[in-house]
PDB file of N, CA and C in Angstrom:
ATOM      1  N   MET A   1      22.856 -27.802 -19.080  1.00  0.00           N
ATOM      2  CA  MET A   1      22.254 -28.370 -19.940  1.00  0.00           C
ATOM      3  C   MET A   1      20.855 -28.697 -20.286  1.00  0.00           C
ATOM      4  N   ASP A   2      20.767 -29.114 -21.647  1.00  0.00           N
ATOM      5  CA  ASP A   2      19.286 -29.329 -21.522  1.00  0.00           C
ATOM      6  C   ASP A   2      19.148 -30.596 -21.893  1.00  0.00           C
ATOM      7  N   ARG A   3      18.041 -31.867 -21.216  1.00  0.00           N
ATOM      8  CA  ARG A   3      17.604 -32.829 -21.851  1.00  0.00           C
ATOM      9  C   ARG A   3      16.758 -33.338 -22.360  1.00  0.00           C
ATOM     10  N   THR A   4      16.486 -34.032 -23.456  1.00  0.00           N
ATOM     11  CA  THR A   4      14.825 -33.791 -24.415  1.00  0.00           C
ATOM     12  C   THR A   4      14.969 -35.338 -24.933  1.00  0.00           C
ATOM     13  N   GLY A   5      14.705 -36.381 -23.683  1.00  0.00           N
ATOM     14  CA  GLY A   5      14.453 -37.940 -24.771  1.00  0.00           C
ATOM     15  C   GLY A   5      16.215 -38.701 -24.630  1.00  0.00           C
ATOM     16  N   PRO A   6      16.607 -38.364 -25.694  1.00  0.00           N
ATOM     17  CA  PRO A   6      17.539 -39.369 -25.981  1.00  0.00           C
ATOM     18  C   PRO A   6      18.962 -37.910 -26.669  1.00  0.00           C
ATOM     19  N   TYR A   7      18.131 -36.867 -26.188  1.00  0.00           N
ATOM     20  CA  TYR A   7      19.069 -36.020 -27.003  1.00  0.00           C
ATOM     21  C   TYR A   7      19.744 -34.874 -25.848  1.00  0.00           C
ATOM     22  N   VAL A   8      21.116 -34.494 -25.467  1.00  0.00           N
ATOM     23  CA  VAL A   8      21.594 -33.677 -24.680  1.00  0.00           C
ATOM     24  C   VAL A   8      21.998 -32.445 -25.056  1.00  0.00           C
ATOM     25  N   GLY A   9      21.495 -30.891 -24.860  1.00  0.00           N
ATOM     26  CA  GLY A   9      22.064 -30.191 -25.418  1.00  0.00           C
ATOM     27  C   GLY A   9      22.829 -29.638 -24.241  1.00  0.00           C
ATOM     28  N   LEU A  10      23.932 -29.091 -24.545  1.00  0.00           N
ATOM     29  CA  LEU A  10      25.078 -27.820 -24.045  1.00  0.00           C
ATOM     30  C   LEU A  10      24.495 -27.036 -23.675  1.00  0.00           C
ATOM     31  N   ARG A  11      25.327 -26.064 -22.800  1.00  0.00           N
ATOM     32  CA  ARG A  11      25.018 -24.582 -22.721  1.00  0.00           C
ATOM     33  C   ARG A  11      25.241 -23.766 -23.924  1.00  0.00           C
ATOM     34  N   ARG A  12      25.047 -22.633 -24.179  1.00  0.00           N
ATOM     35  CA  ARG A  12      24.864 -22.118 -25.758  1.00  0.00           C
ATOM     36  C   ARG A  12      25.456 -20.955 -25.092  1.00  0.00           C
ATOM     37  N   GLU A  13      26.678 -20.675 -25.957  1.00  0.00           N
ATOM     38  CA  GLU A  13      27.416 -19.749 -25.564  1.00  0.00           C
ATOM     39  C   GLU A  13      27.669 -19.085 -26.839  1.00  0.00           C
ATOM     40  N   HIS A  14      27.810 -17.239 -27.262  1.00  0.00           N
ATOM     41  CA  HIS A  14      28.271 -16.296 -28.398  1.00  0.00           C
ATOM     42  C   HIS A  14      26.999 -17.184 -29.220  1.00  0.00           C
ATOM     43  N   GLY A  15      26.244 -17.620 -29.087  1.00  0.00           N
ATOM     44  CA  GLY A  15      25.352 -18.832 -30.018  1.00  0.00           C
ATOM     45  C   GLY A  15      25.859 -19.847 -30.399  1.00  0.00           C
ATOM     46  N   LEU A  16      26.075 -20.125 -30.367  1.00  0.00           N
ATOM     47  CA  LEU A  16      27.135 -21.368 -30.459  1.00  0.00           C
ATOM     48  C   LEU A  16      26.786 -22.585 -29.244  1.00  0.00           C
ATOM     49  N   GLY A  17      26.572 -23.421 -29.738  1.00  0.00           N
ATOM     50  CA  GLY A  17      25.327 -25.124 -29.108  1.00  0.00           C
ATOM     51  C   GLY A  17      26.147 -26.207 -29.538  1.00  0.00           C
ATOM     52  N   LEU A  18      25.906 -27.317 -28.897  1.00  0.00           N
ATOM     53  CA  LEU A  18      26.568 -28.600 -29.238  1.00  0.00           C
ATOM     54  C   LEU A  18      25.543 -29.266 -28.782  1.00  0.00           C
ATOM     55  N   GLY A  19      24.952 -30.823 -29.310  1.00  0.00           N
ATOM     56  CA  GLY A  19      24.485 -31.521 -28.536  1.00  0.00           C
ATOM     57  C   GLY A  19      24.612 -32.747 -28.991  1.00  0.00           C
ATOM     58  N   PHE A  20      24.051 -33.589 -28.334  1.00  0.00           N
ATOM     59  CA  PHE A  20      24.544 -35.488 -28.521  1.00  0.00           C
ATOM     60  C   PHE A  20      23.286 -35.723 -28.637  1.00  0.00           C
ATOM     61  N   GLN A  21      23.671 -36.711 -29.404  1.00  0.00           N
ATOM     62  CA  GLN A  21      22.215 -37.990 -29.276  1.00  0.00           C
ATOM     63  C   GLN A  21      22.356 -39.507 -28.755  1.00  0.00           C
ATOM     64  N   ARG A  22      22.153 -39.754 -28.024  1.00  0.00           N
ATOM     65  CA  ARG A  22      22.248 -41.212 -27.304  1.00  0.00           C
ATOM     66  C   ARG A  22      22.086 -42.295 -28.833  1.00  0.00           C
ATOM     67  N   THR A  23      22.604 -43.514 -28.893  1.00  0.00           N
ATOM     68  CA  THR A  23      22.095 -44.186 -29.348  1.00  0.00           C
ATOM     69  C   THR A  23      22.663 -45.595 -29.469  1.00  0.00           C
ATOM     70  N   ASP A  24      22.270 -46.650 -29.606  1.00  0.00           N
ATOM     71  CA  ASP A  24      23.018 -48.121 -28.986  1.00  0.00           C
ATOM     72  C   ASP A  24      23.279 -48.370 -30.296  1.00  0.00           C
ATOM     73  N   ALA A  25      23.273 -47.792 -31.602  1.00  0.00           N
ATOM     74  CA  ALA A  25      23.576 -48.177 -33.010  1.00  0.00           C
ATOM     75  C   ALA A  25      25.278 -48.261 -33.060  1.00  0.00           C
ATOM     76  N   PRO A  26      25.948 -49.377 -33.413  1.00  0.00           N
ATOM     77  CA  PRO A  26      27.167 -49.152 -32.981  1.00  0.00           C
ATOM     78  C   PRO A  26      27.955 -48.234 -34.221  1.00  0.00           C
ATOM     79  N   ARG A  27      29.071 -47.387 -33.885  1.00  0.00           N
ATOM     80  CA  ARG A  27      29.927 -46.832 -35.259  1.00  0.00           C
ATOM     81  C   ARG A  27      30.409 -47.564 -36.538  1.00  0.00           C
ATOM     82  N   ARG A  28      30.368 -47.124 -37.155  1.00  0.00           N
ATOM     83  CA  ARG A  28      30.288 -48.233 -38.925  1.00  0.00           C
ATOM     84  C   ARG A  28      31.956 -47.679 -39.242  1.00  0.00           C
ATOM     85  N   SER A  29      31.778 -46.833 -39.557  1.00  0.00           N
ATOM     86  CA  SER A  29      33.585 -45.862 -40.262  1.00  0.00           C
ATOM     87  C   SER A  29      33.679 -45.063 -39.266  1.00  0.00           C
ATOM     88  N   LYS A  30      34.699 -44.466 -40.223  1.00  0.00           N
ATOM     89  CA  LYS A  30      35.815 -42.821 -39.267  1.00  0.00           C
ATOM     90  C   LYS A  30      34.808 -41.993 -38.967  1.00  0.00           C
ATOM     91  N   ASN A  31      34.895 -41.274 -37.553  1.00  0.00           N
ATOM     92  CA  ASN A  31      34.417 -40.589 -37.182  1.00  0.00           C
ATOM     93  C   ASN A  31      33.482 -39.295 -38.182  1.00  0.00           C
ATOM     94  N   ARG A  32      32.631 -38.799 -38.442  1.00  0.00           N
ATOM     95  CA  ARG A  32      32.539 -37.894 -39.062  1.00  0.00           C
ATOM     96  C   ARG A  32      32.760 -36.536 -38.364  1.00  0.00           C
ATOM     97  N   MET A  33      32.890 -36.583 -37.305  1.00  0.00           N
ATOM     98  CA  MET A  33      33.167 -35.208 -36.524  1.00  0.00           C
ATOM     99  C   MET A  33      34.329 -35.422 -35.283  1.00  0.00           C
ATOM    100  N   HIS A  34      35.322 -34.583 -35.629  1.00  0.00           N
ATOM    101  CA  HIS A  34      36.242 -34.989 -34.880  1.00  0.00           C
ATOM    102  C   HIS A  34      36.407 -33.617 -33.416  1.00  0.00           C
ATOM    103  N   PHE A  35      36.557 -33.814 -32.142  1.00  0.00           N
ATOM    104  CA  PHE A  35      36.977 -32.769 -31.186  1.00  0.00           C
ATOM    105  C   PHE A  35      38.214 -32.551 -31.042  1.00  0.00           C
ATOM    106  N   ASP A  36      39.072 -31.771 -30.607  1.00  0.00           N
ATOM    107  CA  ASP A  36      39.995 -31.233 -29.942  1.00  0.00           C
ATOM    108  C   ASP A  36      40.181 -30.610 -28.698  1.00  0.00           C
ATOM    109  N   VAL A  37      40.092 -31.276 -27.295  1.00  0.00           N
ATOM    110  CA  VAL A  37      40.110 -30.864 -25.675  1.00  0.00           C
ATOM    111  C   VAL A  37      41.436 -30.210 -25.581  1.00  0.00           C
ATOM    112  N   SER A  38      41.339 -29.113 -25.358  1.00  0.00           N
ATOM    113  CA  SER A  38      42.451 -28.499 -24.985  1.00  0.00           C
ATOM    114  C   SER A  38      42.488 -28.342 -23.544  1.00  0.00           C
ATOM    115  N   ALA A  39      43.197 -28.493 -22.692  1.00  0.00           N
ATOM    116  CA  ALA A  39      43.627 -28.981 -20.907  1.00  0.00           C
ATOM    117  C   ALA A  39      45.046 -27.984 -21.034  1.00  0.00           C
ATOM    118  N   PRO A  40      45.153 -27.509 -19.656  1.00  0.00           N
ATOM    119  CA  PRO A  40      46.543 -26.809 -19.376  1.00  0.00           C
ATOM    120  C   PRO A  40      47.521 -28.115 -19.020  1.00  0.00           C
ATOM    121  N   ASP A  41      46.800 -29.256 -18.979  1.00  0.00           N
ATOM    122  CA  ASP A  41      47.927 -30.133 -18.692  1.00  0.00           C
ATOM    123  C   ASP A  41      47.579 -31.908 -19.296  1.00  0.00           C
ATOM    124  N   PRO A  42      48.395 -31.961 -20.754  1.00  0.00           N
ATOM    125  CA  PRO A  42      47.676 -33.130 -21.704  1.00  0.00           C
ATOM    126  C   PRO A  42      48.171 -34.399 -20.534  1.00  0.00           C
ATOM    127  N   ALA A  43      48.803 -34.496 -20.165  1.00  0.00           N
ATOM    128  CA  ALA A  43      49.189 -35.607 -19.858  1.00  0.00           C
ATOM    129  C   ALA A  43      47.985 -35.899 -18.225  1.00  0.00           C
ATOM    130  N   ALA A  44      47.806 -35.113 -17.388  1.00  0.00           N
ATOM    131  CA  ALA A  44      46.800 -35.286 -16.383  1.00  0.00           C
ATOM    132  C   ALA A  44      45.377 -35.782 -16.601  1.00  0.00           C
ATOM    133  N   GLU A  45      45.307 -35.144 -18.087  1.00  0.00           N
ATOM    134  CA  GLU A  45      43.663 -34.767 -19.063  1.00  0.00           C
ATOM    135  C   GLU A  45      43.886 -36.045 -19.627  1.00  0.00           C
ATOM    136  N   GLN A  46      44.973 -37.057 -19.863  1.00  0.00           N
ATOM    137  CA  GLN A  46      45.199 -38.416 -20.122  1.00  0.00           C
ATOM    138  C   GLN A  46      44.252 -39.116 -19.247  1.00  0.00           C
ATOM    139  N   ARG A  47      45.234 -39.413 -18.430  1.00  0.00           N
ATOM    140  CA  ARG A  47      44.927 -39.978 -16.977  1.00  0.00           C
ATOM    141  C   ARG A  47      43.837 -40.093 -16.564  1.00  0.00           C
ATOM    142  N   ARG A  48      42.710 -38.714 -16.560  1.00  0.00           N
ATOM    143  CA  ARG A  48      41.316 -38.551 -16.338  1.00  0.00           C
ATOM    144  C   ARG A  48      40.652 -38.845 -17.482  1.00  0.00           C
ATOM    145  N   VAL A  49      40.561 -39.029 -18.956  1.00  0.00           N
ATOM    146  CA  VAL A  49      40.502 -39.730 -20.060  1.00  0.00           C
ATOM    147  C   VAL A  49      39.958 -41.326 -19.445  1.00  0.00           C
ATOM    148  N   GLU A  50      41.292 -41.606 -19.428  1.00  0.00           N
ATOM    149  CA  GLU A  50      42.049 -42.899 -19.068  1.00  0.00           C
ATOM    150  C   GLU A  50      40.802 -43.809 -17.825  1.00  0.00           C
ATOM    151  N   ALA A  51      40.699 -42.901 -17.178  1.00  0.00           N
ATOM    152  CA  ALA A  51      40.032 -43.425 -15.829  1.00  0.00           C
ATOM    153  C   ALA A  51      38.098 -43.208 -15.559  1.00  0.00           C
ATOM    154  N   LEU A  52      37.774 -42.395 -17.229  1.00  0.00           N
ATOM    155  CA  LEU A  52      36.684 -42.632 -17.074  1.00  0.00           C
ATOM    156  C   LEU A  52      36.141 -43.608 -18.766  1.00  0.00           C
ATOM    157  N   GLY A  53      37.208 -44.628 -18.743  1.00  0.00           N
ATOM    158  CA  GLY A  53      36.958 -45.570 -19.483  1.00  0.00           C
ATOM    159  C   GLY A  53      37.827 -45.338 -21.354  1.00  0.00           C
ATOM    160  N   GLY A  54      37.963 -44.309 -21.165  1.00  0.00           N
ATOM    161  CA  GLY A  54      39.009 -43.833 -22.691  1.00  0.00           C
ATOM    162  C   GLY A  54      40.518 -44.398 -22.926  1.00  0.00           C
ATOM    163  N   ARG A  55      41.084 -44.490 -23.678  1.00  0.00           N
ATOM    164  CA  ARG A  55      42.183 -44.850 -24.317  1.00  0.00           C
ATOM    165  C   ARG A  55      42.938 -44.414 -24.842  1.00  0.00           C
ATOM    166  N   ARG A  56      44.321 -43.995 -25.027  1.00  0.00           N
ATOM    167  CA  ARG A  56      44.884 -43.905 -26.108  1.00  0.00           C
ATOM    168  C   ARG A  56      45.109 -44.747 -27.025  1.00  0.00           C
ATOM    169  N   LEU A  57      44.881 -44.237 -28.316  1.00  0.00           N
ATOM    170  CA  LEU A  57      45.168 -44.944 -29.768  1.00  0.00           C
ATOM    171  C   LEU A  57      46.269 -45.582 -30.006  1.00  0.00           C
ATOM    172  N   GLU A  58      46.654 -46.938 -30.417  1.00  0.00           N
ATOM    173  CA  GLU A  58      47.857 -47.003 -30.940  1.00  0.00           C
ATOM    174  C   GLU A  58      47.842 -46.239 -32.717  1.00  0.00           C
ATOM    175  N   GLY A  59      49.144 -46.436 -33.239  1.00  0.00           N
ATOM    176  CA  GLY A  59      49.001 -46.270 -34.614  1.00  0.00           C
ATOM    177  C   GLY A  59      49.486 -44.934 -34.844  1.00  0.00           C
ATOM    178  N   TYR A  60      49.595 -44.122 -33.730  1.00  0.00           N
ATOM    179  CA  TYR A  60      50.251 -42.589 -33.876  1.00  0.00           C
ATOM    180  C   TYR A  60      51.464 -42.335 -33.319  1.00  0.00           C
ATOM    181  N   ASP A  61      52.277 -41.632 -33.904  1.00  0.00           N
ATOM    182  CA  ASP A  61      53.840 -41.651 -33.873  1.00  0.00           C
ATOM    183  C   ASP A  61      53.772 -40.785 -32.330  1.00  0.00           C
ATOM    184  N   ASP A  62      54.656 -41.513 -31.436  1.00  0.00           N
ATOM    185  CA  ASP A  62      55.354 -40.510 -30.423  1.00  0.00           C
ATOM    186  C   ASP A  62      55.449 -38.556 -31.018  1.00  0.00           C
ATOM    187  N   GLY A  63      55.068 -37.956 -30.107  1.00  0.00           N
ATOM    188  CA  GLY A  63      55.749 -36.769 -30.718  1.00  0.00           C
ATOM    189  C   GLY A  63      54.740 -36.187 -31.310  1.00  0.00           C
ATOM    190  N   GLY A  64      53.614 -36.694 -31.654  1.00  0.00           N
ATOM    191  CA  GLY A  64      52.397 -36.125 -32.406  1.00  0.00           C
ATOM    192  C   GLY A  64      51.042 -35.383 -31.240  1.00  0.00           C
ATOM    193  N   PHE A  65      49.874 -35.343 -31.926  1.00  0.00           N
ATOM    194  CA  PHE A  65      49.075 -35.127 -31.404  1.00  0.00           C
ATOM    195  C   PHE A  65      48.331 -36.328 -30.141  1.00  0.00           C
ATOM    196  N   LEU A  66      48.410 -36.423 -28.901  1.00  0.00           N
ATOM    197  CA  LEU A  66      48.021 -37.389 -28.141  1.00  0.00           C
ATOM    198  C   LEU A  66      46.358 -37.572 -28.745  1.00  0.00           C
ATOM    199  N   VAL A  67      46.512 -38.508 -29.300  1.00  0.00           N
ATOM    200  CA  VAL A  67      44.842 -38.819 -29.658  1.00  0.00           C
ATOM    201  C   VAL A  67      44.428 -40.251 -29.203  1.00  0.00           C
ATOM    202  N   MET A  68      43.328 -39.848 -28.829  1.00  0.00           N
ATOM    203  CA  MET A  68      42.286 -41.215 -27.617  1.00  0.00           C
ATOM    204  C   MET A  68      41.120 -41.280 -28.247  1.00  0.00           C
ATOM    205  N   GLY A  69      40.759 -42.317 -27.574  1.00  0.00           N
ATOM    206  CA  GLY A  69      39.350 -42.856 -27.685  1.00  0.00           C
ATOM    207  C   GLY A  69      38.394 -42.881 -26.606  1.00  0.00           C
ATOM    208  N   ASP A  70      37.239 -42.875 -27.057  1.00  0.00           N
ATOM    209  CA  ASP A  70      36.283 -43.064 -25.772  1.00  0.00           C
ATOM    210  C   ASP A  70      36.075 -44.652 -26.277  1.00  0.00           C
ATOM    211  N   PRO A  71      35.290 -45.225 -25.173  1.00  0.00           N
ATOM    212  CA  PRO A  71      34.913 -46.200 -24.808  1.00  0.00           C
ATOM    213  C   PRO A  71      34.527 -47.462 -26.044  1.00  0.00           C
ATOM    214  N   GLU A  72      34.152 -46.417 -26.687  1.00  0.00           N
ATOM    215  CA  GLU A  72      33.963 -46.911 -28.236  1.00  0.00           C
ATOM    216  C   GLU A  72      34.405 -46.651 -29.279  1.00  0.00           C
ATOM    217  N   GLY A  73      35.814 -46.126 -29.460  1.00  0.00           N
ATOM    218  CA  GLY A  73      36.810 -45.863 -30.212  1.00  0.00           C
ATOM    219  C   GLY A  73      36.142 -44.556 -31.037  1.00  0.00           C
ATOM    220  N   ASN A  74      35.622 -44.146 -30.354  1.00  0.00           N
ATOM    221  CA  ASN A  74      35.529 -42.301 -31.032  1.00  0.00           C
ATOM    222  C   ASN A  74      36.863 -41.718 -30.912  1.00  0.00           C
ATOM    223  N   GLU A  75      37.347 -41.300 -31.759  1.00  0.00           N
ATOM    224  CA  GLU A  75      38.382 -40.471 -31.619  1.00  0.00           C
ATOM    225  C   GLU A  75      38.800 -38.570 -31.296  1.00  0.00           C
ATOM    226  N   PHE A  76      39.200 -38.395 -31.064  1.00  0.00           N
ATOM    227  CA  PHE A  76      40.052 -36.990 -30.267  1.00  0.00           C
ATOM    228  C   PHE A  76      41.262 -36.786 -29.890  1.00  0.00           C
ATOM    229  N   CYS A  77      41.305 -35.511 -29.672  1.00  0.00           N
ATOM    230  CA  CYS A  77      42.532 -35.281 -29.407  1.00  0.00           C
ATOM    231  C   CYS A  77      42.805 -34.457 -28.496  1.00  0.00           C
ATOM    232  N   ILE A  78      43.530 -34.742 -27.470  1.00  0.00           N
ATOM    233  CA  ILE A  78      44.037 -33.613 -26.020  1.00  0.00           C
ATOM    234  C   ILE A  78      44.865 -32.793 -26.443  1.00  0.00           C
ATOM    235  N   ILE A  79      44.647 -31.823 -26.397  1.00  0.00           N
ATOM    236  CA  ILE A  79      46.044 -30.907 -27.028  1.00  0.00           C
ATOM    237  C   ILE A  79      46.386 -29.540 -25.713  1.00  0.00           C
ATOM    238  N   PRO A  80      47.170 -28.876 -25.711  1.00  0.00           N
ATOM    239  CA  PRO A  80      47.189 -27.860 -24.734  1.00  0.00           C
ATOM    240  C   PRO A  80      47.010 -26.843 -24.786  1.00  0.00           C
ATOM    241  N   GLU A  81      46.440 -25.854 -23.865  1.00  0.00           N
ATOM    242  CA  GLU A  81      45.550 -25.048 -23.982  1.00  0.00           C
ATOM    243  C   GLU A  81      46.559 -23.710 -24.579  1.00  0.00           C
ATOM    244  N   GLY A  82      46.869 -23.082 -24.930  1.00  0.00           N
ATOM    245  CA  GLY A  82      47.469 -21.690 -25.493  1.00  0.00           C
ATOM    246  C   GLY A  82      48.332 -22.062 -26.744  1.00  0.00           C
ATOM    247  N   PRO A  83      49.031 -21.337 -27.426  1.00  0.00           N
ATOM    248  CA  PRO A  83      50.096 -21.734 -28.405  1.00  0.00           C
ATOM    249  C   PRO A  83      50.493 -22.978 -28.285  1.00  0.00           C
ATOM    250  N   PHE A  84      50.892 -23.515 -29.080  1.00  0.00           N
ATOM    251  CA  PHE A  84      52.104 -24.241 -28.941  1.00  0.00           C
ATOM    252  C   PHE A  84      52.987 -24.880 -30.496  1.00  0.00           C
ATOM    253  N   GLU A  85      53.834 -25.407 -30.502  1.00  0.00           N
ATOM    254  CA  GLU A  85      55.001 -25.237 -31.767  1.00  0.00           C
ATOM    255  C   GLU A  85      54.603 -26.743 -32.164  1.00  0.00           C
ATOM    256  N   LEU A  86      54.713 -26.488 -33.910  1.00  0.00           N
ATOM    257  CA  LEU A  86      54.976 -28.020 -34.326  1.00  0.00           C
ATOM    258  C   LEU A  86      55.644 -27.988 -35.637  1.00  0.00           C
ATOM    259  N   ASP A  87      56.370 -28.927 -35.158  1.00  0.00           N
ATOM    260  CA  ASP A  87      57.351 -29.060 -36.765  1.00  0.00           C
ATOM    261  C   ASP A  87      56.806 -29.126 -37.996  1.00  0.00           C
ATOM    262  N   ASP A  88      57.814 -29.872 -38.706  1.00  0.00           N
ATOM    263  CA  ASP A  88      57.180 -29.834 -40.439  1.00  0.00           C
ATOM    264  C   ASP A  88      56.737 -31.091 -40.776  1.00  0.00           C
ATOM    265  N   GLU A  89      56.804 -32.192 -39.726  1.00  0.00           N
ATOM    266  CA  GLU A  89      55.817 -33.054 -39.493  1.00  0.00           C
ATOM    267  C   GLU A  89      54.522 -33.353 -38.873  1.00  0.00           C
ATOM    268  N   GLY A  90      54.238 -32.362 -37.769  1.00  0.00           N
ATOM    269  CA  GLY A  90      53.204 -31.909 -37.242  1.00  0.00           C
ATOM    270  C   GLY A  90      53.306 -32.639 -36.053  1.00  0.00           C
ATOM    271  N   ARG A  91      54.857 -32.920 -35.429  1.00  0.00           N
ATOM    272  CA  ARG A  91      55.009 -33.190 -33.954  1.00  0.00           C
ATOM    273  C   ARG A  91      55.453 -32.085 -33.106  1.00  0.00           C
ATOM    274  N   THR A  92      55.330 -32.219 -31.949  1.00  0.00           N
ATOM    275  CA  THR A  92      55.149 -31.867 -31.174  1.00  0.00           C
ATOM    276  C   THR A  92      55.936 -31.945 -29.484  1.00  0.00           C
ATOM    277  N   ASP A  93      56.522 -30.929 -28.618  1.00  0.00           N
ATOM    278  CA  ASP A  93      56.500 -31.770 -27.384  1.00  0.00           C
ATOM    279  C   ASP A  93      56.198 -31.158 -26.746  1.00  0.00           C
ATOM    280  N   TYR A  94      54.728 -30.862 -26.630  1.00  0.00           N
ATOM    281  CA  TYR A  94      54.346 -30.201 -25.313  1.00  0.00           C
ATOM    282  C   TYR A  94      54.184 -31.872 -24.323  1.00  0.00           C
ATOM    283  N   LEU A  95      54.096 -33.032 -24.644  1.00  0.00           N
ATOM    284  CA  LEU A  95      53.672 -33.975 -23.544  1.00  0.00           C
ATOM    285  C   LEU A  95      55.060 -33.868 -22.935  1.00  0.00           C
ATOM    286  N   GLY A  96      56.108 -33.459 -22.917  1.00  0.00           N
ATOM    287  CA  GLY A  96      57.019 -33.287 -22.494  1.00  0.00           C
ATOM    288  C   GLY A  96      58.004 -34.828 -22.612  1.00  0.00           C
TER     289      GLY A  96
END
């Protein structure tokens, strides 16, 4: 990790990098970028995210992706590692 002023850059691998900029400005509309985070146990990862101040977002159907929000409401999904099946409606049973 590399930090310069309000910027934090994550370790680069295979020529790809990811950086973040700290800002006090509120988000004004839908996310411009959305991340999917993979985890071997999505339910356990949900509990970890909630312990860090995140929350599961309302308004998404059960059986769909596990849509979470960070403390400011920025959306991301927790998905299982490896392949998983989806039905025609985009639902899965990976959360058990």
